[in-house]
Amino acid sequence: MISKFWQEILTQAEAVKQDEHRLAKLIDEAILSKSSIEQVLTSRLAESLGEKYVSAEDLEHIFTELYAEDPFLAKAAKKDLKAICDRDPACNCYVIPMLYYKGFQALQASRLAHILWNKGRAHLASHIQSRNAEIFGVDIHPGARFGTGILLDHASSFVAGETAVVGDDVSILHEVTLGGSGKECGDRHPKVGNGVLIGAGAKLLGNICIGAGAKIGAGSVVLDDVEGHTTVVGVPARPVGKPLHQSPSKYMDHHVE
């Protein structure tokens, strides 16, 4: 039985095909010939990331197995698509990010690399990370953990380190870094709570906690914890308003699979 969500994607794809005949072959092969979002992403990502030594066919086989083994991957992709259409005024249908948004595609590739990383297949995970950075300009370490409903907007030069954690419903603009301070080993990257907005060019450095609902101003450098529902700006970042309320557990309130 076709799900309502998948049927909506098929309907949108048919509309694109009718509106722009030059894209008919792309729409047919990339979406209308598939039976699920998993198949679309498997094919699209394998085609983008394949190369001489690990071909698109190799990656399609690997990705198909991963999607079959872990239902979270498809669930996360659907929530990401909905988040993009809800929060990005430039996007009015699911077909656009599925086919064209490098932030969405890079995030799905990083989820696949993360599963491989957890399986102990570090070299293959690192290969996908490298290709992800080369093709999409997004460098997410396969050890980093992301929740669902993520809007990675524009995405160019986004970097997330090995121990970074991002909660649910987070919006991140381009040129953001979730990095280490260079002074630590082990757990050394930011932990970002639910519903956080990180402006373009912001740098979050070290094992710091960004509380749920916080907002990080564009170009800010954040070196310390940020309370939930607080806006910080500047270099180094400082609060510009008091929080509406404080989340428990060191300001964290996120769920990551």
C-alpha atoms as a PDB file:
ATOM      1  CA  MET A   1       0.000   0.000   0.000  1.00  0.00           C
ATOM      2  CA  ILE A   2       1.363   3.414  -0.973  1.00  0.00           C
ATOM      3  CA  SER A   3       1.783   5.798   1.948  1.00  0.00           C
ATOM      4  CA  LYS A   4       0.201   9.230   1.826  1.00  0.00           C
ATOM      5  CA  PHE A   5       3.643  10.852   2.001  1.00  0.00           C
ATOM      6  CA  TRP A   6       5.043   8.856  -0.930  1.00  0.00           C
ATOM      7  CA  GLN A   7       1.888   9.471  -2.970  1.00  0.00           C
ATOM      8  CA  GLU A   8       2.327  13.216  -2.407  1.00  0.00           C
ATOM      9  CA  ILE A   9       5.893  12.996  -3.728  1.00  0.00           C
ATOM     10  CA  LEU A  10       4.720  11.092  -6.805  1.00  0.00           C
ATOM     11  CA  THR A  11       2.003  13.671  -7.454  1.00  0.00           C
ATOM     12  CA  GLN A  12       4.501  16.505  -7.167  1.00  0.00           C
ATOM     13  CA  ALA A  13       6.929  14.691  -9.475  1.00  0.00           C
ATOM     14  CA  GLU A  14       4.224  14.230 -12.114  1.00  0.00           C
ATOM     15  CA  ALA A  15       3.432  17.949 -11.913  1.00  0.00           C
ATOM     16  CA  VAL A  16       7.111  18.850 -12.425  1.00  0.00           C
ATOM     17  CA  LYS A  17       7.272  16.489 -15.401  1.00  0.00           C
ATOM     18  CA  GLN A  18       4.273  18.174 -16.991  1.00  0.00           C
ATOM     19  CA  ASP A  19       5.534  21.699 -16.309  1.00  0.00           C
ATOM     20  CA  GLU A  20       9.108  21.179 -17.516  1.00  0.00           C
ATOM     21  CA  HIS A  21       9.428  18.602 -20.288  1.00  0.00           C
ATOM     22  CA  ARG A  22      13.212  18.896 -20.369  1.00  0.00           C
ATOM     23  CA  LEU A  23      13.281  17.285 -16.926  1.00  0.00           C
ATOM     24  CA  ALA A  24      10.953  14.427 -17.825  1.00  0.00           C
ATOM     25  CA  LYS A  25      13.727  11.828 -18.104  1.00  0.00           C
ATOM     26  CA  LEU A  26      15.252  12.902 -14.787  1.00  0.00           C
ATOM     27  CA  ILE A  27      11.892  12.796 -13.014  1.00  0.00           C
ATOM     28  CA  ASP A  28      11.066   9.404 -14.508  1.00  0.00           C
ATOM     29  CA  GLU A  29      14.367   7.776 -13.606  1.00  0.00           C
ATOM     30  CA  ALA A  30      15.012   9.473 -10.274  1.00  0.00           C
ATOM     31  CA  ILE A  31      11.510   9.333  -8.758  1.00  0.00           C
ATOM     32  CA  LEU A  32       8.638   7.885 -10.801  1.00  0.00           C
ATOM     33  CA  SER A  33      10.447   4.607 -11.499  1.00  0.00           C
ATOM     34  CA  LYS A  34      11.001   4.062  -7.767  1.00  0.00           C
ATOM     35  CA  SER A  35       8.663   2.620  -5.165  1.00  0.00           C
ATOM     36  CA  SER A  36       9.866   4.435  -2.046  1.00  0.00           C
ATOM     37  CA  ILE A  37      11.883   7.362  -0.743  1.00  0.00           C
ATOM     38  CA  GLU A  38      14.578   4.871   0.230  1.00  0.00           C
ATOM     39  CA  GLN A  39      15.015   3.831  -3.393  1.00  0.00           C
ATOM     40  CA  VAL A  40      15.166   7.448  -4.554  1.00  0.00           C
ATOM     41  CA  LEU A  41      17.867   8.336  -2.038  1.00  0.00           C
ATOM     42  CA  THR A  42      19.831   5.137  -2.611  1.00  0.00           C
ATOM     43  CA  SER A  43      20.018   5.761  -6.342  1.00  0.00           C
ATOM     44  CA  ARG A  44      20.572   9.515  -6.151  1.00  0.00           C
ATOM     45  CA  LEU A  45      23.299   9.355  -3.514  1.00  0.00           C
ATOM     46  CA  ALA A  46      25.088   6.418  -5.129  1.00  0.00           C
ATOM     47  CA  GLU A  47      25.105   8.231  -8.460  1.00  0.00           C
ATOM     48  CA  SER A  48      26.545  11.381  -6.863  1.00  0.00           C
ATOM     49  CA  LEU A  49      29.136   9.724  -4.628  1.00  0.00           C
ATOM     50  CA  GLY A  50      30.285   6.859  -6.836  1.00  0.00           C
ATOM     51  CA  GLU A  51      33.739   7.010  -8.416  1.00  0.00           C
ATOM     52  CA  LYS A  52      36.426   4.857 -10.032  1.00  0.00           C
ATOM     53  CA  TYR A  53      37.280   2.669  -7.054  1.00  0.00           C
ATOM     54  CA  VAL A  54      33.906   2.496  -5.279  1.00  0.00           C
ATOM     55  CA  SER A  55      31.383   2.708  -8.070  1.00  0.00           C
ATOM     56  CA  ALA A  56      27.789   3.916  -8.018  1.00  0.00           C
ATOM     57  CA  GLU A  57      26.719   0.271  -8.346  1.00  0.00           C
ATOM     58  CA  ASP A  58      28.796  -0.659  -5.289  1.00  0.00           C
ATOM     59  CA  LEU A  59      27.322   2.162  -3.244  1.00  0.00           C
ATOM     60  CA  GLU A  60      23.771   1.429  -4.371  1.00  0.00           C
ATOM     61  CA  HIS A  61      24.147  -2.129  -3.086  1.00  0.00           C
ATOM     62  CA  ILE A  62      25.592  -0.921   0.229  1.00  0.00           C
ATOM     63  CA  PHE A  63      22.981   1.796   0.717  1.00  0.00           C
ATOM     64  CA  THR A  64      20.105  -0.553  -0.154  1.00  0.00           C
ATOM     65  CA  GLU A  65      21.228  -2.912   2.609  1.00  0.00           C
ATOM     66  CA  LEU A  66      21.555  -0.094   5.132  1.00  0.00           C
ATOM     67  CA  TYR A  67      18.072   1.301   4.423  1.00  0.00           C
ATOM     68  CA  ALA A  68      16.618  -2.201   4.721  1.00  0.00           C
ATOM     69  CA  GLU A  69      18.361  -2.824   8.039  1.00  0.00           C
ATOM     70  CA  ASP A  70      17.620   0.499   9.748  1.00  0.00           C
ATOM     71  CA  PRO A  71      14.121   2.071   9.431  1.00  0.00           C
ATOM     72  CA  PHE A  72      15.391   5.222  11.178  1.00  0.00           C
ATOM     73  CA  LEU A  73      17.161   6.303   7.983  1.00  0.00           C
ATOM     74  CA  ALA A  74      13.959   6.661   5.951  1.00  0.00           C
ATOM     75  CA  LYS A  75      12.073   8.107   8.923  1.00  0.00           C
ATOM     76  CA  ALA A  76      14.753  10.771   9.374  1.00  0.00           C
ATOM     77  CA  ALA A  77      14.774  11.643   5.656  1.00  0.00           C
ATOM     78  CA  LYS A  78      10.998  12.166   5.668  1.00  0.00           C
ATOM     79  CA  LYS A  79      11.185  14.433   8.709  1.00  0.00           C
ATOM     80  CA  ASP A  80      14.044  16.381   7.128  1.00  0.00           C
ATOM     81  CA  LEU A  81      11.996  16.893   3.962  1.00  0.00           C
ATOM     82  CA  LYS A  82       9.031  18.145   5.954  1.00  0.00           C
ATOM     83  CA  ALA A  83      11.284  20.484   7.935  1.00  0.00           C
ATOM     84  CA  ILE A  84      12.716  21.972   4.745  1.00  0.00           C
ATOM     85  CA  CYS A  85       9.293  22.663   3.268  1.00  0.00           C
ATOM     86  CA  ASP A  86       8.025  24.056   6.584  1.00  0.00           C
ATOM     87  CA  ARG A  87      10.967  26.364   7.280  1.00  0.00           C
ATOM     88  CA  ASP A  88      12.478  27.281   3.904  1.00  0.00           C
ATOM     89  CA  PRO A  89      10.299  29.810   2.079  1.00  0.00           C
ATOM     90  CA  ALA A  90      12.165  29.025  -1.152  1.00  0.00           C
ATOM     91  CA  CYS A  91      10.954  25.408  -1.136  1.00  0.00           C
ATOM     92  CA  ASN A  92       7.347  24.488  -1.860  1.00  0.00           C
ATOM     93  CA  CYS A  93       7.586  20.772  -2.668  1.00  0.00           C
ATOM     94  CA  TYR A  94       9.526  17.682  -1.617  1.00  0.00           C
ATOM     95  CA  VAL A  95      10.922  17.017  -5.089  1.00  0.00           C
ATOM     96  CA  ILE A  96      13.213  20.057  -4.966  1.00  0.00           C
ATOM     97  CA  PRO A  97      15.349  19.031  -1.947  1.00  0.00           C
ATOM     98  CA  MET A  98      15.310  15.371  -2.960  1.00  0.00           C
ATOM     99  CA  LEU A  99      16.859  16.179  -6.325  1.00  0.00           C
ATOM    100  CA  TYR A 100      18.715  19.464  -5.881  1.00  0.00           C
ATOM    101  CA  TYR A 101      19.441  20.484  -2.271  1.00  0.00           C
ATOM    102  CA  LYS A 102      22.964  19.471  -1.377  1.00  0.00           C
ATOM    103  CA  GLY A 103      22.322  20.078   2.330  1.00  0.00           C
ATOM    104  CA  PHE A 104      19.548  17.480   2.379  1.00  0.00           C
ATOM    105  CA  GLN A 105      21.483  15.003   0.266  1.00  0.00           C
ATOM    106  CA  ALA A 106      24.723  15.436   2.211  1.00  0.00           C
ATOM    107  CA  LEU A 107      22.891  14.899   5.491  1.00  0.00           C
ATOM    108  CA  GLN A 108      21.356  11.645   4.241  1.00  0.00           C
ATOM    109  CA  ALA A 109      24.781  10.473   3.056  1.00  0.00           C
ATOM    110  CA  SER A 110      26.244  11.291   6.460  1.00  0.00           C
ATOM    111  CA  ARG A 111      23.507   9.244   8.154  1.00  0.00           C
ATOM    112  CA  LEU A 112      24.550   6.241   6.039  1.00  0.00           C
ATOM    113  CA  ALA A 113      28.212   6.824   6.920  1.00  0.00           C
ATOM    114  CA  HIS A 114      27.252   7.030  10.601  1.00  0.00           C
ATOM    115  CA  ILE A 115      25.607   3.600  10.473  1.00  0.00           C
ATOM    116  CA  LEU A 116      28.733   2.156   8.864  1.00  0.00           C
ATOM    117  CA  TRP A 117      30.878   3.856  11.508  1.00  0.00           C
ATOM    118  CA  ASN A 118      28.836   2.251  14.275  1.00  0.00           C
ATOM    119  CA  LYS A 119      29.217  -1.119  12.560  1.00  0.00           C
ATOM    120  CA  GLY A 120      32.993  -0.786  12.787  1.00  0.00           C
ATOM    121  CA  ARG A 121      33.400  -0.144   9.044  1.00  0.00           C
ATOM    122  CA  ALA A 122      35.405   3.019   9.638  1.00  0.00           C
ATOM    123  CA  HIS A 123      37.274   3.037   6.320  1.00  0.00           C
ATOM    124  CA  LEU A 124      34.141   2.829   4.190  1.00  0.00           C
ATOM    125  CA  ALA A 125      32.452   5.433   6.409  1.00  0.00           C
ATOM    126  CA  SER A 126      35.455   7.727   5.972  1.00  0.00           C
ATOM    127  CA  HIS A 127      35.387   7.192   2.219  1.00  0.00           C
ATOM    128  CA  ILE A 128      31.762   8.343   2.098  1.00  0.00           C
ATOM    129  CA  GLN A 129      32.636  11.324   4.311  1.00  0.00           C
ATOM    130  CA  SER A 130      35.411  12.278   1.905  1.00  0.00           C
ATOM    131  CA  ARG A 131      33.179  11.984  -1.155  1.00  0.00           C
ATOM    132  CA  ASN A 132      30.435  13.895   0.642  1.00  0.00           C
ATOM    133  CA  ALA A 133      32.847  16.766   1.271  1.00  0.00           C
ATOM    134  CA  GLU A 134      34.178  16.672  -2.291  1.00  0.00           C
ATOM    135  CA  ILE A 135      30.796  16.541  -4.049  1.00  0.00           C
ATOM    136  CA  PHE A 136      28.536  18.552  -1.733  1.00  0.00           C
ATOM    137  CA  GLY A 137      31.015  20.745   0.169  1.00  0.00           C
ATOM    138  CA  VAL A 138      29.758  19.377   3.494  1.00  0.00           C
ATOM    139  CA  ASP A 139      32.208  17.705   5.887  1.00  0.00           C
ATOM    140  CA  ILE A 140      30.412  15.696   8.567  1.00  0.00           C
ATOM    141  CA  HIS A 141      32.497  13.185  10.488  1.00  0.00           C
ATOM    142  CA  PRO A 142      30.731   9.802  10.467  1.00  0.00           C
ATOM    143  CA  GLY A 143      30.884   9.723  14.252  1.00  0.00           C
ATOM    144  CA  ALA A 144      28.699  12.844  14.570  1.00  0.00           C
ATOM    145  CA  ARG A 145      25.072  12.245  15.589  1.00  0.00           C
ATOM    146  CA  PHE A 146      22.058  14.060  14.144  1.00  0.00           C
ATOM    147  CA  GLY A 147      18.416  13.982  15.153  1.00  0.00           C
ATOM    148  CA  THR A 148      15.519  14.442  12.743  1.00  0.00           C
ATOM    149  CA  GLY A 149      13.766  17.420  11.192  1.00  0.00           C
ATOM    150  CA  ILE A 150      17.077  19.035  10.269  1.00  0.00           C
ATOM    151  CA  LEU A 151      17.232  21.994   7.886  1.00  0.00           C
ATOM    152  CA  LEU A 152      20.788  22.276   6.571  1.00  0.00           C
ATOM    153  CA  ASP A 153      20.192  25.381   4.479  1.00  0.00           C
ATOM    154  CA  HIS A 154      22.560  26.055   1.544  1.00  0.00           C
ATOM    155  CA  ALA A 155      25.049  23.890   3.467  1.00  0.00           C
ATOM    156  CA  SER A 156      28.264  25.061   1.779  1.00  0.00           C
ATOM    157  CA  SER A 157      31.287  24.607   4.075  1.00  0.00           C
ATOM    158  CA  PHE A 158      29.304  23.083   6.933  1.00  0.00           C
ATOM    159  CA  VAL A 159      31.613  21.103   9.245  1.00  0.00           C
ATOM    160  CA  ALA A 160      30.715  18.797  12.142  1.00  0.00           C
ATOM    161  CA  GLY A 161      33.360  16.999  14.193  1.00  0.00           C
ATOM    162  CA  GLU A 162      33.432  13.424  15.433  1.00  0.00           C
ATOM    163  CA  THR A 163      31.696  13.921  18.799  1.00  0.00           C
ATOM    164  CA  ALA A 164      29.228  16.616  17.714  1.00  0.00           C
ATOM    165  CA  VAL A 165      25.578  15.947  18.573  1.00  0.00           C
ATOM    166  CA  VAL A 166      22.628  17.762  16.978  1.00  0.00           C
ATOM    167  CA  GLY A 167      19.110  17.313  18.323  1.00  0.00           C
ATOM    168  CA  ASP A 168      15.756  17.427  16.542  1.00  0.00           C
ATOM    169  CA  ASP A 169      14.229  20.315  14.553  1.00  0.00           C
ATOM    170  CA  VAL A 170      17.499  22.228  14.260  1.00  0.00           C
ATOM    171  CA  SER A 171      18.122  24.795  11.503  1.00  0.00           C
ATOM    172  CA  ILE A 172      21.713  25.365  10.371  1.00  0.00           C
ATOM    173  CA  LEU A 173      22.811  27.818   7.704  1.00  0.00           C
ATOM    174  CA  HIS A 174      25.935  27.716   5.540  1.00  0.00           C
ATOM    175  CA  GLU A 175      29.565  27.965   6.706  1.00  0.00           C
ATOM    176  CA  VAL A 176      28.746  26.775  10.221  1.00  0.00           C
ATOM    177  CA  THR A 177      31.379  24.828  12.160  1.00  0.00           C
ATOM    178  CA  LEU A 178      30.684  22.435  15.041  1.00  0.00           C
ATOM    179  CA  GLY A 179      34.329  21.979  15.874  1.00  0.00           C
ATOM    180  CA  GLY A 180      36.854  21.330  18.598  1.00  0.00           C
ATOM    181  CA  SER A 181      38.803  23.989  20.408  1.00  0.00           C
ATOM    182  CA  GLY A 182      42.121  22.312  19.585  1.00  0.00           C
ATOM    183  CA  LYS A 183      42.855  21.892  23.293  1.00  0.00           C
ATOM    184  CA  GLU A 184      40.875  18.727  23.997  1.00  0.00           C
ATOM    185  CA  CYS A 185      40.808  15.033  23.211  1.00  0.00           C
ATOM    186  CA  GLY A 186      37.919  12.603  23.443  1.00  0.00           C
ATOM    187  CA  ASP A 187      34.484  14.220  23.685  1.00  0.00           C
ATOM    188  CA  ARG A 188      35.393  17.608  22.267  1.00  0.00           C
ATOM    189  CA  HIS A 189      32.609  18.935  20.034  1.00  0.00           C
ATOM    190  CA  PRO A 190      29.370  20.883  20.592  1.00  0.00           C
ATOM    191  CA  LYS A 191      26.062  19.380  21.723  1.00  0.00           C
ATOM    192  CA  VAL A 192      23.147  21.214  20.105  1.00  0.00           C
ATOM    193  CA  GLY A 193      19.674  20.889  21.621  1.00  0.00           C
ATOM    194  CA  ASN A 194      16.261  20.694  19.964  1.00  0.00           C
ATOM    195  CA  GLY A 195      14.921  23.618  17.968  1.00  0.00           C
ATOM    196  CA  VAL A 196      18.179  25.575  17.821  1.00  0.00           C
ATOM    197  CA  LEU A 197      18.843  28.046  14.993  1.00  0.00           C
ATOM    198  CA  ILE A 198      22.495  28.566  13.984  1.00  0.00           C
ATOM    199  CA  GLY A 199      23.135  31.550  11.716  1.00  0.00           C
ATOM    200  CA  ALA A 200      25.446  31.628   8.713  1.00  0.00           C
ATOM    201  CA  GLY A 201      29.151  31.539   9.452  1.00  0.00           C
ATOM    202  CA  ALA A 202      28.784  30.786  13.163  1.00  0.00           C
ATOM    203  CA  LYS A 203      31.579  28.789  14.794  1.00  0.00           C
ATOM    204  CA  LEU A 204      30.745  26.639  17.815  1.00  0.00           C
ATOM    205  CA  LEU A 205      33.933  25.292  19.358  1.00  0.00           C
ATOM    206  CA  GLY A 206      34.597  22.771  22.102  1.00  0.00           C
ATOM    207  CA  ASN A 207      32.482  20.413  24.197  1.00  0.00           C
ATOM    208  CA  ILE A 208      29.802  23.011  24.878  1.00  0.00           C
ATOM    209  CA  CYS A 209      26.024  22.712  25.253  1.00  0.00           C
ATOM    210  CA  ILE A 210      23.600  24.809  23.235  1.00  0.00           C
ATOM    211  CA  GLY A 211      20.239  24.725  24.990  1.00  0.00           C
ATOM    212  CA  ALA A 212      16.928  23.920  23.333  1.00  0.00           C
ATOM    213  CA  GLY A 213      15.453  26.799  21.360  1.00  0.00           C
ATOM    214  CA  ALA A 214      18.603  28.928  21.458  1.00  0.00           C
ATOM    215  CA  LYS A 215      19.577  31.172  18.537  1.00  0.00           C
ATOM    216  CA  ILE A 216      23.177  31.739  17.429  1.00  0.00           C
ATOM    217  CA  GLY A 217      23.733  34.943  15.466  1.00  0.00           C
ATOM    218  CA  ALA A 218      25.436  34.907  12.084  1.00  0.00           C
ATOM    219  CA  GLY A 219      29.235  35.080  12.300  1.00  0.00           C
ATOM    220  CA  SER A 220      29.303  34.452  16.050  1.00  0.00           C
ATOM    221  CA  VAL A 221      32.049  32.470  17.757  1.00  0.00           C
ATOM    222  CA  VAL A 222      30.587  30.423  20.614  1.00  0.00           C
ATOM    223  CA  LEU A 223      33.036  29.101  23.197  1.00  0.00           C
ATOM    224  CA  ASP A 224      30.754  28.586  26.205  1.00  0.00           C
ATOM    225  CA  ASP A 225      27.425  26.946  27.017  1.00  0.00           C
ATOM    226  CA  VAL A 226      24.290  28.768  25.851  1.00  0.00           C
ATOM    227  CA  GLU A 227      21.112  28.595  27.902  1.00  0.00           C
ATOM    228  CA  GLY A 228      17.939  27.393  26.261  1.00  0.00           C
ATOM    229  CA  HIS A 229      15.782  29.977  24.447  1.00  0.00           C
ATOM    230  CA  THR A 230      18.586  32.523  24.539  1.00  0.00           C
ATOM    231  CA  THR A 231      20.013  34.504  21.629  1.00  0.00           C
ATOM    232  CA  VAL A 232      23.773  35.027  21.521  1.00  0.00           C
ATOM    233  CA  VAL A 233      25.803  37.113  19.086  1.00  0.00           C
ATOM    234  CA  GLY A 234      29.347  38.379  18.662  1.00  0.00           C
ATOM    235  CA  VAL A 235      32.977  37.330  18.895  1.00  0.00           C
ATOM    236  CA  PRO A 236      33.082  35.823  21.411  1.00  0.00           C
ATOM    237  CA  ALA A 237      29.308  35.302  21.582  1.00  0.00           C
ATOM    238  CA  ARG A 238      27.380  36.944  24.404  1.00  0.00           C
ATOM    239  CA  PRO A 239      23.658  36.801  25.317  1.00  0.00           C
ATOM    240  CA  VAL A 240      21.537  39.672  24.043  1.00  0.00           C
ATOM    241  CA  GLY A 241      18.408  38.690  25.956  1.00  0.00           C
ATOM    242  CA  LYS A 242      17.361  36.645  28.967  1.00  0.00           C
ATOM    243  CA  PRO A 243      15.989  33.127  28.409  1.00  0.00           C
ATOM    244  CA  LEU A 244      12.244  32.589  28.560  1.00  0.00           C
ATOM    245  CA  HIS A 245      12.913  29.472  30.600  1.00  0.00           C
ATOM    246  CA  GLN A 246      15.821  27.193  31.342  1.00  0.00           C
ATOM    247  CA  SER A 247      15.865  23.601  30.149  1.00  0.00           C
ATOM    248  CA  PRO A 248      17.083  20.925  32.573  1.00  0.00           C
ATOM    249  CA  SER A 249      20.228  18.816  32.326  1.00  0.00           C
ATOM    250  CA  LYS A 250      22.720  21.511  31.461  1.00  0.00           C
ATOM    251  CA  TYR A 251      20.303  23.083  28.980  1.00  0.00           C
ATOM    252  CA  MET A 252      20.051  19.998  26.813  1.00  0.00           C
ATOM    253  CA  ASP A 253      16.713  18.646  25.633  1.00  0.00           C
ATOM    254  CA  HIS A 254      17.209  16.497  22.572  1.00  0.00           C
ATOM    255  CA  HIS A 255      16.657  12.999  21.313  1.00  0.00           C
ATOM    256  CA  VAL A 256      19.040  11.465  18.824  1.00  0.00           C
ATOM    257  CA  GLU A 257      18.752   7.896  17.576  1.00  0.00           C
END
